[in-house]
């Protein structure tokens, strides 16, 4: 897959979006001639789709790198993993181990995703020994145990998986011009709501509908990511036409969800930031034509607020207007793009 990137031909993510994995794309479009090439087991094919769809875009390095290391070793130490992360410019946190073990298992995903991906768990973390190992399920896919050892299909699976991991690692690796803030979120990269749930190490994915414009989560840390579609469609309901706008490139005016006051639990926790130290990362996209990904603009500090009202279906409903200071001023070029 990196050959396409290195030669500037096409972004391999298009293959993944089309077919679920590059392997599936070759089977469907190129009509692979070697019969064995099209006969991976259903579990192996599903695994390639899972890793391709969930991780190949490179939102976080950790899952990609740990799988890459475990292709050749049954067990690695946390120290080895930490050193490998550092070589790629990523920051290590003990909380990330639990997070990536969770995202590389069915536990993180919604019921629909669990049904689609089947129930494979890839990692086992031994906290006492400070080691990370393949599970039996992953070893079986790789042909590293029992009757699958040396199997041709396992060799094909391993080759295809390594190709996918190498591509994802290349996308995830920090560029010289980029800066990591917290949770390995890279300033001005684009992330989906699902990506953010992963990088904040939430135990479960929260659907976009349930997150909406923001969501307060208590574990493993107190966080409240804010998602703003800057240019709102005229077709959306008045009940969600919030007056969210930049005052300038370092200050934001933002509205809570409707039917809220300053004493509502999901608002009061934001207002109490000075005491509870809640992290409030900001994600913004210009409009819905940009898809489901948002630019990460860093963390925010709560400034002033007021209880006010907005129109919803011809009636006035309570809402809280909050002004934030951005810890990182939005670069002028990106600011102008969002404002245009």
C-alpha atoms as a PDB file:
ATOM      1  CA  UNK A   1       0.000   0.000   0.000  1.00  0.00           C
ATOM      2  CA  UNK A   2       2.885   2.353   0.670  1.00  0.00           C
ATOM      3  CA  UNK A   3       3.960   1.936  -2.956  1.00  0.00           C
ATOM      4  CA  UNK A   4       0.881   3.926  -3.969  1.00  0.00           C
ATOM      5  CA  UNK A   5       1.778   6.642  -1.478  1.00  0.00           C
ATOM      6  CA  UNK A   6       5.482   6.792  -2.379  1.00  0.00           C
ATOM      7  CA  UNK A   7       4.710   7.073  -6.075  1.00  0.00           C
ATOM      8  CA  UNK A   8       1.876   9.538  -5.604  1.00  0.00           C
ATOM      9  CA  UNK A   9      -0.646   7.434  -7.495  1.00  0.00           C
ATOM     10  CA  UNK A  10      -3.666   7.129  -5.205  1.00  0.00           C
ATOM     11  CA  UNK A  11      -4.523   7.131  -1.516  1.00  0.00           C
ATOM     12  CA  UNK A  12      -4.985   3.477  -0.455  1.00  0.00           C
ATOM     13  CA  UNK A  13      -7.728   4.556   1.939  1.00  0.00           C
ATOM     14  CA  UNK A  14      -9.925   4.674  -1.145  1.00  0.00           C
ATOM     15  CA  UNK A  15      -9.450   0.920  -1.541  1.00  0.00           C
ATOM     16  CA  UNK A  16     -10.395   0.408   2.095  1.00  0.00           C
ATOM     17  CA  UNK A  17     -13.462   2.650   1.843  1.00  0.00           C
ATOM     18  CA  UNK A  18     -14.558   0.761  -1.254  1.00  0.00           C
ATOM     19  CA  UNK A  19     -14.011  -2.836  -0.171  1.00  0.00           C
ATOM     20  CA  UNK A  20     -13.138  -2.887   3.533  1.00  0.00           C
ATOM     21  CA  UNK A  21      -9.467  -3.769   3.054  1.00  0.00           C
ATOM     22  CA  UNK A  22      -6.877  -3.672   0.293  1.00  0.00           C
ATOM     23  CA  UNK A  23      -7.010  -7.472   0.160  1.00  0.00           C
ATOM     24  CA  UNK A  24     -10.763  -7.404  -0.468  1.00  0.00           C
ATOM     25  CA  UNK A  25     -10.255  -4.723  -3.114  1.00  0.00           C
ATOM     26  CA  UNK A  26      -7.813  -6.968  -4.982  1.00  0.00           C
ATOM     27  CA  UNK A  27     -10.222  -9.880  -4.769  1.00  0.00           C
ATOM     28  CA  UNK A  28     -13.148  -7.836  -6.090  1.00  0.00           C
ATOM     29  CA  UNK A  29     -11.504  -5.598  -8.661  1.00  0.00           C
ATOM     30  CA  UNK A  30      -8.376  -7.372  -9.807  1.00  0.00           C
ATOM     31  CA  UNK A  31     -10.046 -10.796  -9.604  1.00  0.00           C
ATOM     32  CA  UNK A  32      -6.996 -12.477  -8.095  1.00  0.00           C
ATOM     33  CA  UNK A  33      -5.896 -15.329 -10.330  1.00  0.00           C
ATOM     34  CA  UNK A  34      -4.113 -17.485  -7.784  1.00  0.00           C
ATOM     35  CA  UNK A  35      -6.991 -19.333  -6.151  1.00  0.00           C
ATOM     36  CA  UNK A  36      -5.209 -19.516  -2.823  1.00  0.00           C
ATOM     37  CA  UNK A  37      -5.038 -15.707  -2.751  1.00  0.00           C
ATOM     38  CA  UNK A  38      -8.833 -15.525  -2.459  1.00  0.00           C
ATOM     39  CA  UNK A  39      -9.231 -18.213   0.184  1.00  0.00           C
ATOM     40  CA  UNK A  40      -8.314 -16.703   3.477  1.00  0.00           C
ATOM     41  CA  UNK A  41     -10.578 -17.935   6.218  1.00  0.00           C
ATOM     42  CA  UNK A  42     -13.602 -15.789   7.066  1.00  0.00           C
ATOM     43  CA  UNK A  43     -11.905 -14.860  10.351  1.00  0.00           C
ATOM     44  CA  UNK A  44      -8.727 -13.738   8.572  1.00  0.00           C
ATOM     45  CA  UNK A  45     -10.663 -11.673   6.048  1.00  0.00           C
ATOM     46  CA  UNK A  46     -12.766 -10.082   8.770  1.00  0.00           C
ATOM     47  CA  UNK A  47      -9.624  -9.326  10.768  1.00  0.00           C
ATOM     48  CA  UNK A  48      -8.034  -7.514   7.814  1.00  0.00           C
ATOM     49  CA  UNK A  49     -11.193  -5.474   7.377  1.00  0.00           C
ATOM     50  CA  UNK A  50     -11.328  -4.636  11.080  1.00  0.00           C
ATOM     51  CA  UNK A  51      -7.735  -3.420  11.258  1.00  0.00           C
ATOM     52  CA  UNK A  52      -7.999  -1.605   7.923  1.00  0.00           C
ATOM     53  CA  UNK A  53     -11.232   0.209   8.710  1.00  0.00           C
ATOM     54  CA  UNK A  54     -10.482   1.004  12.335  1.00  0.00           C
ATOM     55  CA  UNK A  55      -6.760   1.795  12.326  1.00  0.00           C
ATOM     56  CA  UNK A  56      -5.172   2.149   8.873  1.00  0.00           C
ATOM     57  CA  UNK A  57      -6.029   5.854   8.645  1.00  0.00           C
ATOM     58  CA  UNK A  58      -3.455   6.393  11.375  1.00  0.00           C
ATOM     59  CA  UNK A  59      -5.392   8.312  14.024  1.00  0.00           C
ATOM     60  CA  UNK A  60      -3.140   6.766  16.681  1.00  0.00           C
ATOM     61  CA  UNK A  61       0.142   4.907  16.320  1.00  0.00           C
ATOM     62  CA  UNK A  62      -0.206   2.611  19.315  1.00  0.00           C
ATOM     63  CA  UNK A  63      -2.492  -0.138  17.981  1.00  0.00           C
ATOM     64  CA  UNK A  64      -0.646  -0.301  14.667  1.00  0.00           C
ATOM     65  CA  UNK A  65       2.793  -0.476  16.227  1.00  0.00           C
ATOM     66  CA  UNK A  66       1.985  -3.072  18.870  1.00  0.00           C
ATOM     67  CA  UNK A  67       0.474  -5.380  16.228  1.00  0.00           C
ATOM     68  CA  UNK A  68       3.517  -4.860  14.016  1.00  0.00           C
ATOM     69  CA  UNK A  69       5.850  -5.798  16.884  1.00  0.00           C
ATOM     70  CA  UNK A  70       3.766  -8.876  17.690  1.00  0.00           C
ATOM     71  CA  UNK A  71       4.010 -10.196  14.141  1.00  0.00           C
ATOM     72  CA  UNK A  72       7.489 -11.453  14.976  1.00  0.00           C
ATOM     73  CA  UNK A  73       7.342 -11.856  18.748  1.00  0.00           C
ATOM     74  CA  UNK A  74       4.781 -13.659  20.852  1.00  0.00           C
ATOM     75  CA  UNK A  75       5.462 -11.285  23.748  1.00  0.00           C
ATOM     76  CA  UNK A  76       7.050  -7.847  24.095  1.00  0.00           C
ATOM     77  CA  UNK A  77       7.804  -5.777  27.162  1.00  0.00           C
ATOM     78  CA  UNK A  78       6.140  -2.462  27.876  1.00  0.00           C
ATOM     79  CA  UNK A  79       9.606  -0.898  27.899  1.00  0.00           C
ATOM     80  CA  UNK A  80      10.246  -2.153  24.348  1.00  0.00           C
ATOM     81  CA  UNK A  81       6.904  -0.802  23.201  1.00  0.00           C
ATOM     82  CA  UNK A  82       7.544   2.555  24.850  1.00  0.00           C
ATOM     83  CA  UNK A  83      10.950   2.841  23.153  1.00  0.00           C
ATOM     84  CA  UNK A  84       9.460   2.009  19.766  1.00  0.00           C
ATOM     85  CA  UNK A  85       6.751   4.646  20.213  1.00  0.00           C
ATOM     86  CA  UNK A  86       9.379   7.247  21.056  1.00  0.00           C
ATOM     87  CA  UNK A  87      11.268   6.507  17.826  1.00  0.00           C
ATOM     88  CA  UNK A  88       8.111   7.467  15.919  1.00  0.00           C
ATOM     89  CA  UNK A  89       7.536  10.643  17.934  1.00  0.00           C
ATOM     90  CA  UNK A  90       4.588   9.302  19.950  1.00  0.00           C
ATOM     91  CA  UNK A  91       4.051   9.869  23.656  1.00  0.00           C
ATOM     92  CA  UNK A  92       3.592   6.916  26.009  1.00  0.00           C
ATOM     93  CA  UNK A  93       1.082   6.845  28.863  1.00  0.00           C
ATOM     94  CA  UNK A  94       0.231   3.776  30.968  1.00  0.00           C
ATOM     95  CA  UNK A  95      -3.463   4.560  30.330  1.00  0.00           C
ATOM     96  CA  UNK A  96      -2.862   3.994  26.609  1.00  0.00           C
ATOM     97  CA  UNK A  97      -2.151   0.299  27.229  1.00  0.00           C
ATOM     98  CA  UNK A  98      -5.623  -0.258  28.599  1.00  0.00           C
ATOM     99  CA  UNK A  99      -7.028   1.873  25.809  1.00  0.00           C
ATOM    100  CA  UNK A 100      -5.401  -0.020  22.960  1.00  0.00           C
ATOM    101  CA  UNK A 101      -6.145  -3.424  24.528  1.00  0.00           C
ATOM    102  CA  UNK A 102      -9.755  -2.279  24.634  1.00  0.00           C
ATOM    103  CA  UNK A 103      -9.894  -1.043  21.014  1.00  0.00           C
ATOM    104  CA  UNK A 104      -8.225  -4.281  19.871  1.00  0.00           C
ATOM    105  CA  UNK A 105     -11.053  -6.299  21.395  1.00  0.00           C
ATOM    106  CA  UNK A 106     -14.850  -6.316  21.010  1.00  0.00           C
ATOM    107  CA  UNK A 107     -15.276  -4.409  24.294  1.00  0.00           C
ATOM    108  CA  UNK A 108     -14.944  -0.895  22.840  1.00  0.00           C
ATOM    109  CA  UNK A 109     -17.350  -1.281  19.950  1.00  0.00           C
ATOM    110  CA  UNK A 110     -21.088  -0.880  19.522  1.00  0.00           C
ATOM    111  CA  UNK A 111     -23.277  -3.909  18.958  1.00  0.00           C
ATOM    112  CA  UNK A 112     -23.368  -3.259  15.206  1.00  0.00           C
ATOM    113  CA  UNK A 113     -19.585  -3.196  14.954  1.00  0.00           C
ATOM    114  CA  UNK A 114     -19.250  -6.317  17.094  1.00  0.00           C
ATOM    115  CA  UNK A 115     -21.534  -8.177  14.734  1.00  0.00           C
ATOM    116  CA  UNK A 116     -19.600  -6.960  11.702  1.00  0.00           C
ATOM    117  CA  UNK A 117     -16.108  -7.676  13.040  1.00  0.00           C
ATOM    118  CA  UNK A 118     -16.828 -10.885  14.990  1.00  0.00           C
ATOM    119  CA  UNK A 119     -15.269 -11.277  18.429  1.00  0.00           C
ATOM    120  CA  UNK A 120     -11.485 -11.344  18.120  1.00  0.00           C
ATOM    121  CA  UNK A 121      -9.289 -10.069  20.955  1.00  0.00           C
ATOM    122  CA  UNK A 122      -5.700  -9.405  19.872  1.00  0.00           C
ATOM    123  CA  UNK A 123      -3.720  -8.486  22.990  1.00  0.00           C
ATOM    124  CA  UNK A 124      -3.151  -9.710  26.525  1.00  0.00           C
ATOM    125  CA  UNK A 125      -1.549  -7.289  28.975  1.00  0.00           C
ATOM    126  CA  UNK A 126       0.204  -8.691  32.040  1.00  0.00           C
ATOM    127  CA  UNK A 127       0.407  -5.714  34.381  1.00  0.00           C
ATOM    128  CA  UNK A 128       2.580  -7.489  36.931  1.00  0.00           C
ATOM    129  CA  UNK A 129       5.161  -8.679  34.378  1.00  0.00           C
ATOM    130  CA  UNK A 130       4.778  -5.502  32.290  1.00  0.00           C
ATOM    131  CA  UNK A 131       4.415  -7.468  29.077  1.00  0.00           C
ATOM    132  CA  UNK A 132       2.044  -7.445  26.104  1.00  0.00           C
ATOM    133  CA  UNK A 133       1.346 -10.731  24.327  1.00  0.00           C
ATOM    134  CA  UNK A 134      -0.616 -12.138  21.410  1.00  0.00           C
ATOM    135  CA  UNK A 135      -3.829 -13.839  22.344  1.00  0.00           C
ATOM    136  CA  UNK A 136      -4.491 -17.358  21.109  1.00  0.00           C
ATOM    137  CA  UNK A 137      -6.988 -15.915  18.609  1.00  0.00           C
ATOM    138  CA  UNK A 138      -4.384 -13.630  17.063  1.00  0.00           C
ATOM    139  CA  UNK A 139      -1.718 -16.360  17.077  1.00  0.00           C
ATOM    140  CA  UNK A 140      -4.133 -18.650  15.241  1.00  0.00           C
ATOM    141  CA  UNK A 141      -4.749 -16.048  12.532  1.00  0.00           C
ATOM    142  CA  UNK A 142      -0.989 -15.695  12.089  1.00  0.00           C
ATOM    143  CA  UNK A 143      -0.476 -19.452  11.847  1.00  0.00           C
ATOM    144  CA  UNK A 144       1.753 -19.381  14.910  1.00  0.00           C
ATOM    145  CA  UNK A 145       0.164 -22.246  16.775  1.00  0.00           C
ATOM    146  CA  UNK A 146      -1.389 -25.658  16.339  1.00  0.00           C
ATOM    147  CA  UNK A 147      -2.655 -26.938  13.019  1.00  0.00           C
ATOM    148  CA  UNK A 148      -2.356 -23.545  11.302  1.00  0.00           C
ATOM    149  CA  UNK A 149       1.425 -23.355  11.731  1.00  0.00           C
ATOM    150  CA  UNK A 150       3.077 -22.887   8.329  1.00  0.00           C
ATOM    151  CA  UNK A 151      -0.297 -22.675   6.587  1.00  0.00           C
ATOM    152  CA  UNK A 152      -0.201 -20.860   3.226  1.00  0.00           C
ATOM    153  CA  UNK A 153      -3.285 -18.802   4.034  1.00  0.00           C
ATOM    154  CA  UNK A 154      -1.710 -17.722   7.314  1.00  0.00           C
ATOM    155  CA  UNK A 155       1.334 -16.540   5.379  1.00  0.00           C
ATOM    156  CA  UNK A 156      -0.903 -14.535   3.038  1.00  0.00           C
ATOM    157  CA  UNK A 157      -2.776 -13.075   6.007  1.00  0.00           C
ATOM    158  CA  UNK A 158       0.490 -12.095   7.681  1.00  0.00           C
ATOM    159  CA  UNK A 159       1.735 -10.415   4.482  1.00  0.00           C
ATOM    160  CA  UNK A 160      -1.479  -8.476   3.951  1.00  0.00           C
ATOM    161  CA  UNK A 161      -1.652  -7.448   7.603  1.00  0.00           C
ATOM    162  CA  UNK A 162       1.943  -6.211   7.622  1.00  0.00           C
ATOM    163  CA  UNK A 163       1.288  -4.171   4.490  1.00  0.00           C
ATOM    164  CA  UNK A 164      -1.737  -2.549   6.148  1.00  0.00           C
ATOM    165  CA  UNK A 165       0.156  -1.875   9.383  1.00  0.00           C
ATOM    166  CA  UNK A 166       3.125  -0.317   7.566  1.00  0.00           C
ATOM    167  CA  UNK A 167       0.776   2.005   5.712  1.00  0.00           C
ATOM    168  CA  UNK A 168      -1.025   3.021   8.906  1.00  0.00           C
ATOM    169  CA  UNK A 169       2.242   3.553  10.776  1.00  0.00           C
ATOM    170  CA  UNK A 170       3.461   5.850   8.021  1.00  0.00           C
ATOM    171  CA  UNK A 171       0.258   7.903   8.247  1.00  0.00           C
ATOM    172  CA  UNK A 172       0.351   8.025  12.044  1.00  0.00           C
ATOM    173  CA  UNK A 173       4.029   8.937  12.478  1.00  0.00           C
ATOM    174  CA  UNK A 174       4.504  12.525  13.594  1.00  0.00           C
ATOM    175  CA  UNK A 175       5.839  14.932  10.982  1.00  0.00           C
ATOM    176  CA  UNK A 176       8.468  17.534  11.892  1.00  0.00           C
ATOM    177  CA  UNK A 177       5.945  20.365  11.572  1.00  0.00           C
ATOM    178  CA  UNK A 178       3.368  18.665  13.822  1.00  0.00           C
ATOM    179  CA  UNK A 179       2.817  18.984  17.553  1.00  0.00           C
ATOM    180  CA  UNK A 180       1.235  16.557  19.999  1.00  0.00           C
ATOM    181  CA  UNK A 181      -0.821  18.086  22.796  1.00  0.00           C
ATOM    182  CA  UNK A 182      -2.561  15.521  25.026  1.00  0.00           C
ATOM    183  CA  UNK A 183      -3.617  11.894  24.493  1.00  0.00           C
ATOM    184  CA  UNK A 184      -1.487  11.751  21.311  1.00  0.00           C
ATOM    185  CA  UNK A 185      -3.901  14.129  19.605  1.00  0.00           C
ATOM    186  CA  UNK A 186      -1.976  16.053  16.960  1.00  0.00           C
ATOM    187  CA  UNK A 187      -2.818  19.724  16.512  1.00  0.00           C
ATOM    188  CA  UNK A 188      -4.745  20.456  13.292  1.00  0.00           C
ATOM    189  CA  UNK A 189      -5.057  16.828  12.221  1.00  0.00           C
ATOM    190  CA  UNK A 190      -8.586  15.628  11.540  1.00  0.00           C
ATOM    191  CA  UNK A 191     -10.407  13.097  13.709  1.00  0.00           C
ATOM    192  CA  UNK A 192     -13.850  11.513  13.776  1.00  0.00           C
ATOM    193  CA  UNK A 193     -15.865  11.305  16.987  1.00  0.00           C
ATOM    194  CA  UNK A 194     -14.994   7.605  17.110  1.00  0.00           C
ATOM    195  CA  UNK A 195     -11.276   8.400  16.800  1.00  0.00           C
ATOM    196  CA  UNK A 196     -11.584  10.783  19.732  1.00  0.00           C
ATOM    197  CA  UNK A 197     -13.278   8.142  21.880  1.00  0.00           C
ATOM    198  CA  UNK A 198     -10.325   5.860  21.144  1.00  0.00           C
ATOM    199  CA  UNK A 199      -7.591   8.405  21.795  1.00  0.00           C
ATOM    200  CA  UNK A 200      -9.169   9.537  25.055  1.00  0.00           C
ATOM    201  CA  UNK A 201      -9.131   5.845  26.063  1.00  0.00           C
ATOM    202  CA  UNK A 202     -12.855   5.670  26.719  1.00  0.00           C
ATOM    203  CA  UNK A 203     -14.017   2.188  27.611  1.00  0.00           C
ATOM    204  CA  UNK A 204     -16.727   2.198  24.948  1.00  0.00           C
ATOM    205  CA  UNK A 205     -17.432   4.007  21.723  1.00  0.00           C
ATOM    206  CA  UNK A 206     -20.239   6.538  22.025  1.00  0.00           C
ATOM    207  CA  UNK A 207     -22.324   6.897  18.870  1.00  0.00           C
ATOM    208  CA  UNK A 208     -22.182  10.284  17.091  1.00  0.00           C
ATOM    209  CA  UNK A 209     -25.878  10.807  17.793  1.00  0.00           C
ATOM    210  CA  UNK A 210     -25.302  10.441  21.539  1.00  0.00           C
ATOM    211  CA  UNK A 211     -22.228  12.664  21.560  1.00  0.00           C
ATOM    212  CA  UNK A 212     -23.788  15.414  19.469  1.00  0.00           C
ATOM    213  CA  UNK A 213     -21.885  18.632  20.068  1.00  0.00           C
ATOM    214  CA  UNK A 214     -20.191  17.498  23.283  1.00  0.00           C
ATOM    215  CA  UNK A 215     -20.035  14.670  25.779  1.00  0.00           C
ATOM    216  CA  UNK A 216     -18.785  14.518  29.362  1.00  0.00           C
ATOM    217  CA  UNK A 217     -16.902  11.346  30.301  1.00  0.00           C
ATOM    218  CA  UNK A 218     -15.536  10.584  33.760  1.00  0.00           C
ATOM    219  CA  UNK A 219     -13.204   7.657  32.986  1.00  0.00           C
ATOM    220  CA  UNK A 220     -10.297   7.208  32.689  1.00  0.00           C
ATOM    221  CA  UNK A 221     -10.033  11.004  33.064  1.00  0.00           C
ATOM    222  CA  UNK A 222     -12.585  13.808  33.246  1.00  0.00           C
ATOM    223  CA  UNK A 223     -12.926  15.031  29.669  1.00  0.00           C
ATOM    224  CA  UNK A 224     -15.479  16.810  27.503  1.00  0.00           C
ATOM    225  CA  UNK A 225     -14.629  16.922  23.802  1.00  0.00           C
ATOM    226  CA  UNK A 226     -16.534  19.642  21.933  1.00  0.00           C
ATOM    227  CA  UNK A 227     -17.474  19.137  18.259  1.00  0.00           C
ATOM    228  CA  UNK A 228     -18.581  22.094  16.149  1.00  0.00           C
ATOM    229  CA  UNK A 229     -19.867  22.201  12.592  1.00  0.00           C
ATOM    230  CA  UNK A 230     -19.004  25.840  11.926  1.00  0.00           C
ATOM    231  CA  UNK A 231     -21.285  26.549   8.974  1.00  0.00           C
ATOM    232  CA  UNK A 232     -24.566  24.938   9.900  1.00  0.00           C
ATOM    233  CA  UNK A 233     -26.936  23.776   7.188  1.00  0.00           C
ATOM    234  CA  UNK A 234     -30.142  25.748   6.682  1.00  0.00           C
ATOM    235  CA  UNK A 235     -31.965  22.427   6.649  1.00  0.00           C
ATOM    236  CA  UNK A 236     -31.198  21.402  10.237  1.00  0.00           C
ATOM    237  CA  UNK A 237     -33.714  21.921  13.017  1.00  0.00           C
ATOM    238  CA  UNK A 238     -33.786  25.280  14.804  1.00  0.00           C
ATOM    239  CA  UNK A 239     -33.286  23.327  18.032  1.00  0.00           C
ATOM    240  CA  UNK A 240     -29.643  22.641  17.118  1.00  0.00           C
ATOM    241  CA  UNK A 241     -28.752  25.899  15.335  1.00  0.00           C
ATOM    242  CA  UNK A 242     -26.421  26.951  18.110  1.00  0.00           C
ATOM    243  CA  UNK A 243     -24.548  30.243  17.923  1.00  0.00           C
ATOM    244  CA  UNK A 244     -21.025  28.828  17.935  1.00  0.00           C
ATOM    245  CA  UNK A 245     -18.422  31.193  16.501  1.00  0.00           C
ATOM    246  CA  UNK A 246     -14.874  32.416  16.895  1.00  0.00           C
ATOM    247  CA  UNK A 247     -14.562  35.849  18.465  1.00  0.00           C
ATOM    248  CA  UNK A 248     -11.031  35.817  17.100  1.00  0.00           C
ATOM    249  CA  UNK A 249      -8.485  33.061  16.486  1.00  0.00           C
ATOM    250  CA  UNK A 250      -7.930  32.462  20.193  1.00  0.00           C
ATOM    251  CA  UNK A 251     -11.456  32.888  21.642  1.00  0.00           C
ATOM    252  CA  UNK A 252     -14.684  30.975  21.039  1.00  0.00           C
ATOM    253  CA  UNK A 253     -18.349  31.663  21.762  1.00  0.00           C
ATOM    254  CA  UNK A 254     -20.211  28.382  22.311  1.00  0.00           C
ATOM    255  CA  UNK A 255     -23.674  27.208  23.325  1.00  0.00           C
ATOM    256  CA  UNK A 256     -24.589  24.163  25.375  1.00  0.00           C
ATOM    257  CA  UNK A 257     -27.262  21.734  24.260  1.00  0.00           C
ATOM    258  CA  UNK A 258     -30.748  23.169  24.556  1.00  0.00           C
ATOM    259  CA  UNK A 259     -32.937  22.740  27.622  1.00  0.00           C
ATOM    260  CA  UNK A 260     -29.887  23.334  29.817  1.00  0.00           C
ATOM    261  CA  UNK A 261     -29.066  25.843  32.543  1.00  0.00           C
ATOM    262  CA  UNK A 262     -25.846  26.542  34.393  1.00  0.00           C
ATOM    263  CA  UNK A 263     -26.927  24.009  37.032  1.00  0.00           C
ATOM    264  CA  UNK A 264     -27.453  21.157  34.544  1.00  0.00           C
ATOM    265  CA  UNK A 265     -24.907  18.380  35.280  1.00  0.00           C
ATOM    266  CA  UNK A 266     -23.275  18.371  31.823  1.00  0.00           C
ATOM    267  CA  UNK A 267     -22.878  22.165  31.946  1.00  0.00           C
ATOM    268  CA  UNK A 268     -21.951  22.751  35.582  1.00  0.00           C
ATOM    269  CA  UNK A 269     -19.015  20.340  35.257  1.00  0.00           C
ATOM    270  CA  UNK A 270     -17.661  22.532  32.430  1.00  0.00           C
ATOM    271  CA  UNK A 271     -18.218  25.724  34.399  1.00  0.00           C
ATOM    272  CA  UNK A 272     -16.353  24.192  37.343  1.00  0.00           C
ATOM    273  CA  UNK A 273     -13.228  23.602  35.251  1.00  0.00           C
ATOM    274  CA  UNK A 274     -10.937  25.637  37.504  1.00  0.00           C
ATOM    275  CA  UNK A 275     -11.624  23.208  40.343  1.00  0.00           C
ATOM    276  CA  UNK A 276     -12.158  19.847  38.650  1.00  0.00           C
ATOM    277  CA  UNK A 277      -9.512  20.326  35.884  1.00  0.00           C
ATOM    278  CA  UNK A 278     -11.770  18.893  33.184  1.00  0.00           C
ATOM    279  CA  UNK A 279     -10.070  18.745  29.789  1.00  0.00           C
ATOM    280  CA  UNK A 280     -12.107  20.340  26.996  1.00  0.00           C
ATOM    281  CA  UNK A 281     -10.544  19.566  23.589  1.00  0.00           C
ATOM    282  CA  UNK A 282     -12.034  21.424  20.627  1.00  0.00           C
ATOM    283  CA  UNK A 283     -12.817  19.840  17.251  1.00  0.00           C
ATOM    284  CA  UNK A 284     -14.164  21.940  14.362  1.00  0.00           C
ATOM    285  CA  UNK A 285     -15.146  21.270  10.750  1.00  0.00           C
ATOM    286  CA  UNK A 286     -16.282  23.941   8.314  1.00  0.00           C
ATOM    287  CA  UNK A 287     -19.510  22.233   7.195  1.00  0.00           C
ATOM    288  CA  UNK A 288     -21.082  18.826   6.618  1.00  0.00           C
ATOM    289  CA  UNK A 289     -19.524  18.632   3.147  1.00  0.00           C
ATOM    290  CA  UNK A 290     -16.250  17.805   4.919  1.00  0.00           C
ATOM    291  CA  UNK A 291     -17.637  14.479   6.098  1.00  0.00           C
ATOM    292  CA  UNK A 292     -17.357  13.186   9.644  1.00  0.00           C
ATOM    293  CA  UNK A 293     -13.854  14.402  10.551  1.00  0.00           C
ATOM    294  CA  UNK A 294     -13.030  17.531  12.560  1.00  0.00           C
ATOM    295  CA  UNK A 295      -9.830  19.572  12.925  1.00  0.00           C
ATOM    296  CA  UNK A 296      -8.335  19.232  16.392  1.00  0.00           C
ATOM    297  CA  UNK A 297      -7.657  22.751  17.688  1.00  0.00           C
ATOM    298  CA  UNK A 298      -6.285  21.966  21.142  1.00  0.00           C
ATOM    299  CA  UNK A 299      -7.746  22.399  24.614  1.00  0.00           C
ATOM    300  CA  UNK A 300      -9.918  25.237  25.905  1.00  0.00           C
ATOM    301  CA  UNK A 301     -10.249  27.132  29.189  1.00  0.00           C
ATOM    302  CA  UNK A 302     -13.646  28.353  30.332  1.00  0.00           C
ATOM    303  CA  UNK A 303     -13.999  32.121  30.538  1.00  0.00           C
ATOM    304  CA  UNK A 304     -17.387  33.818  31.046  1.00  0.00           C
ATOM    305  CA  UNK A 305     -20.882  32.339  30.791  1.00  0.00           C
ATOM    306  CA  UNK A 306     -24.526  33.316  30.962  1.00  0.00           C
ATOM    307  CA  UNK A 307     -27.869  31.558  31.127  1.00  0.00           C
ATOM    308  CA  UNK A 308     -29.907  32.600  28.111  1.00  0.00           C
ATOM    309  CA  UNK A 309     -32.514  31.273  25.664  1.00  0.00           C
ATOM    310  CA  UNK A 310     -32.795  30.267  22.007  1.00  0.00           C
ATOM    311  CA  UNK A 311     -35.687  29.600  19.659  1.00  0.00           C
ATOM    312  CA  UNK A 312     -36.746  25.988  19.146  1.00  0.00           C
ATOM    313  CA  UNK A 313     -39.892  25.120  17.208  1.00  0.00           C
ATOM    314  CA  UNK A 314     -41.285  28.588  17.827  1.00  0.00           C
ATOM    315  CA  UNK A 315     -40.651  28.483  21.573  1.00  0.00           C
ATOM    316  CA  UNK A 316     -37.884  29.831  23.789  1.00  0.00           C
ATOM    317  CA  UNK A 317     -35.767  27.152  25.489  1.00  0.00           C
ATOM    318  CA  UNK A 318     -32.995  27.476  28.025  1.00  0.00           C
ATOM    319  CA  UNK A 319     -29.379  27.289  26.908  1.00  0.00           C
ATOM    320  CA  UNK A 320     -26.036  28.341  28.379  1.00  0.00           C
ATOM    321  CA  UNK A 321     -23.694  30.578  26.426  1.00  0.00           C
ATOM    322  CA  UNK A 322     -20.031  30.063  27.322  1.00  0.00           C
ATOM    323  CA  UNK A 323     -16.908  31.842  26.126  1.00  0.00           C
ATOM    324  CA  UNK A 324     -13.660  29.921  25.977  1.00  0.00           C
ATOM    325  CA  UNK A 325     -10.021  30.834  25.595  1.00  0.00           C
ATOM    326  CA  UNK A 326      -8.099  28.508  23.262  1.00  0.00           C
ATOM    327  CA  UNK A 327      -4.746  27.322  24.583  1.00  0.00           C
ATOM    328  CA  UNK A 328      -3.422  27.345  20.999  1.00  0.00           C
ATOM    329  CA  UNK A 329      -4.401  30.137  18.638  1.00  0.00           C
ATOM    330  CA  UNK A 330      -5.843  28.817  15.371  1.00  0.00           C
ATOM    331  CA  UNK A 331      -3.328  29.356  12.519  1.00  0.00           C
ATOM    332  CA  UNK A 332      -4.426  32.256  10.342  1.00  0.00           C
ATOM    333  CA  UNK A 333      -4.773  30.162   7.181  1.00  0.00           C
ATOM    334  CA  UNK A 334      -7.042  27.614   8.868  1.00  0.00           C
ATOM    335  CA  UNK A 335      -8.959  30.368  10.670  1.00  0.00           C
ATOM    336  CA  UNK A 336      -9.608  32.173   7.400  1.00  0.00           C
ATOM    337  CA  UNK A 337     -10.757  28.922   5.786  1.00  0.00           C
ATOM    338  CA  UNK A 338     -13.274  28.205   8.551  1.00  0.00           C
ATOM    339  CA  UNK A 339     -14.571  31.781   8.513  1.00  0.00           C
ATOM    340  CA  UNK A 340     -14.887  32.070   4.711  1.00  0.00           C
END
